[in-house]
Amino acid sequence: MNKIGKVVAINISEKKGVVKKPIEQGLFIEEHGLEGDAHAGKWHRQVSLLAQESIDKMKKSGVEGLSVGKFAENITTEGIVLYELPVGTRLKIGITIQEVTQIGKECHGGCEIRRLVGDCVMPREGIFTRVIQGGVIKPGDIIEVLGDN
């Protein structure tokens, strides 16, 4: 498995259940998540990650107009098969350290993506982390799989 990847985009939204918009950089706060994001807080799904490869898979299946943040992911990645990482795996993303807490999720009924597209890869291929060590992350930053704690 590839142990090195990179950040393609940082995405944010003020409300849950909507697509996220790309931003130039994000401040990830220890035990909280992305500053200003609706999903941040003291719980196990502080940050969501989805690989560009998963988005490309959806594009190949004929889905139009997909871009970063459309699946409501905070960090769009490239180069690592995220959903194969075991829970407990630590990732060094830029200067932050994050721990994988969940692979995939239940898709909520009002999912904008599923309604528009008919399918959503986030429940199968997205992952969630909690922030162990905070810092600023920006597109182009390196992601390194550190292993589990």
Protein backbone atom coordinates (compact mmCIF):
# COMPACT_ATOMS: atom_id res chain seq x y z
CA MET A 1 0.00 0.00 0.00
CA ASN A 2 1.23 3.49 -0.84
CA LYS A 3 2.35 5.26 2.35
CA ILE A 4 2.67 8.75 0.84
CA GLY A 5 -0.01 10.89 -0.74
CA LYS A 6 -0.87 14.55 -1.00
CA VAL A 7 -3.62 17.02 -0.20
CA VAL A 8 -5.57 18.04 -3.32
CA ALA A 9 -8.02 20.42 -1.59
CA ILE A 10 -9.32 21.66 1.77
CA ASN A 11 -13.13 22.10 1.78
CA ILE A 12 -15.49 23.72 4.27
CA SER A 13 -19.19 24.32 4.90
CA GLU A 14 -21.03 26.12 7.68
CA LYS A 15 -24.00 23.71 7.53
CA LYS A 16 -24.22 19.92 7.56
CA GLY A 17 -25.67 18.02 4.60
CA VAL A 18 -24.44 20.43 1.91
CA VAL A 19 -21.49 20.38 -0.49
CA LYS A 20 -18.33 22.02 0.81
CA LYS A 21 -16.41 24.85 -0.88
CA PRO A 22 -12.64 24.72 -1.42
CA ILE A 23 -10.53 27.15 0.64
CA GLU A 24 -6.84 28.15 0.32
CA GLN A 25 -5.87 26.59 3.65
CA GLY A 26 -7.53 25.27 6.76
CA LEU A 27 -6.69 25.48 10.44
CA PHE A 28 -7.17 22.06 12.02
CA ILE A 29 -7.63 22.30 15.79
CA GLU A 30 -6.59 19.52 18.16
CA GLU A 31 -9.61 17.43 19.30
CA HIS A 32 -11.95 19.70 17.29
CA GLY A 33 -11.41 19.52 13.51
CA LEU A 34 -11.42 22.17 10.78
CA GLU A 35 -12.03 25.64 12.20
CA GLY A 36 -15.39 26.99 11.01
CA ASP A 37 -16.66 23.69 9.58
CA ALA A 38 -20.12 22.35 10.51
CA HIS A 39 -18.74 18.87 11.33
CA ALA A 40 -16.01 20.03 13.72
CA GLY A 41 -16.48 19.37 17.42
CA LYS A 42 -15.62 17.02 20.24
CA TRP A 43 -16.55 13.70 18.58
CA HIS A 44 -14.97 10.94 16.50
CA ARG A 45 -15.82 12.34 13.03
CA GLN A 46 -14.04 15.70 13.24
CA VAL A 47 -12.54 15.56 9.74
CA SER A 48 -13.72 13.72 6.61
CA LEU A 49 -11.36 12.61 3.85
CA LEU A 50 -12.08 11.32 0.36
CA ALA A 51 -9.60 10.41 -2.37
CA GLN A 52 -9.59 12.14 -5.76
CA GLU A 53 -9.43 8.59 -7.16
CA SER A 54 -12.90 7.90 -5.67
CA ILE A 55 -14.27 11.10 -7.24
CA ASP A 56 -12.72 10.08 -10.58
CA LYS A 57 -14.41 6.67 -10.30
CA MET A 58 -17.78 8.42 -10.03
CA LYS A 59 -16.90 10.64 -13.02
CA LYS A 60 -16.06 7.53 -15.09
CA SER A 61 -19.49 6.11 -14.28
CA GLY A 62 -20.96 9.07 -16.16
CA VAL A 63 -21.62 11.52 -13.33
CA GLU A 64 -21.25 15.10 -14.54
CA GLY A 65 -20.05 18.17 -12.69
CA LEU A 66 -18.14 16.49 -9.86
CA SER A 67 -15.41 18.47 -8.15
CA VAL A 68 -13.66 18.60 -4.79
CA GLY A 69 -16.01 19.15 -1.85
CA LYS A 70 -19.05 17.79 -3.69
CA PHE A 71 -19.08 14.74 -1.42
CA ALA A 72 -18.81 17.02 1.64
CA GLU A 73 -15.24 15.94 2.38
CA ASN A 74 -12.96 18.28 4.34
CA ILE A 75 -9.77 16.99 2.76
CA THR A 76 -9.56 15.69 -0.80
CA THR A 77 -6.50 13.44 -1.08
CA GLU A 78 -4.49 11.73 -3.80
CA GLY A 79 -2.21 8.70 -3.79
CA ILE A 80 -3.47 6.70 -0.78
CA VAL A 81 -6.32 4.17 -0.77
CA LEU A 82 -8.00 5.69 2.29
CA TYR A 83 -10.70 3.05 2.86
CA GLU A 84 -8.03 0.32 3.20
CA LEU A 85 -6.46 2.07 6.23
CA PRO A 86 -7.38 0.33 9.49
CA VAL A 87 -9.14 2.32 12.21
CA GLY A 88 -6.42 3.59 14.55
CA THR A 89 -4.00 4.42 11.73
CA ARG A 90 -2.24 7.73 12.24
CA LEU A 91 -1.71 10.09 9.34
CA LYS A 92 0.69 13.03 9.22
CA ILE A 93 -1.14 15.55 7.02
CA GLY A 94 1.01 18.64 6.56
CA ILE A 95 2.12 19.38 10.13
CA THR A 96 -0.97 17.83 11.72
CA ILE A 97 -1.36 14.32 13.10
CA GLN A 98 -4.78 12.71 12.62
CA GLU A 99 -6.08 9.30 13.63
CA VAL A 100 -8.51 7.27 11.51
CA THR A 101 -11.67 6.74 13.59
CA GLN A 102 -14.19 5.40 11.06
CA ILE A 103 -14.28 4.02 7.52
CA GLY A 104 -17.37 5.03 5.56
CA LYS A 105 -20.69 6.05 7.07
CA GLU A 106 -24.43 5.69 6.80
CA CYS A 107 -25.69 7.99 4.07
CA HIS A 108 -28.41 10.22 5.47
CA GLY A 109 -31.75 10.29 3.65
CA GLY A 110 -31.51 13.83 2.36
CA CYS A 111 -28.07 13.36 0.80
CA GLU A 112 -27.73 15.96 -1.94
CA ILE A 113 -25.22 13.83 -3.85
CA ARG A 114 -27.31 10.65 -3.93
CA ARG A 115 -30.35 12.70 -5.00
CA LEU A 116 -28.48 14.40 -7.84
CA VAL A 117 -26.25 11.52 -8.86
CA GLY A 118 -28.03 8.34 -7.85
CA ASP A 119 -24.98 7.09 -5.94
CA CYS A 120 -22.40 8.38 -3.48
CA VAL A 121 -18.92 6.98 -2.80
CA MET A 122 -18.51 8.69 0.58
CA PRO A 123 -20.35 5.96 2.56
CA ARG A 124 -18.04 3.31 1.07
CA GLU A 125 -14.73 5.05 0.45
CA GLY A 126 -14.62 8.14 2.66
CA ILE A 127 -12.89 8.04 6.04
CA PHE A 128 -13.08 10.09 9.22
CA THR A 129 -10.32 11.23 11.55
CA ARG A 130 -9.84 13.08 14.78
CA VAL A 131 -7.13 15.71 15.13
CA ILE A 132 -4.37 14.61 17.54
CA GLN A 133 -2.00 17.50 16.74
CA GLY A 134 -3.35 20.64 15.09
CA GLY A 135 -1.98 23.02 12.47
CA VAL A 136 -2.60 24.57 9.08
CA ILE A 137 -3.06 22.31 6.04
CA LYS A 138 -3.08 23.51 2.44
CA PRO A 139 -3.34 21.89 -0.99
CA GLY A 140 -0.04 20.28 -2.00
CA ASP A 141 0.86 19.25 1.57
CA ILE A 142 2.21 15.71 1.95
CA ILE A 143 0.16 12.96 3.64
CA GLU A 144 2.18 10.22 5.28
CA VAL A 145 0.77 7.00 6.73
CA LEU A 146 2.47 6.60 10.13
CA GLY A 147 0.79 3.33 11.10
CA ASP A 148 -1.44 2.72 14.07
CA ASN A 149 -0.81 4.06 17.54
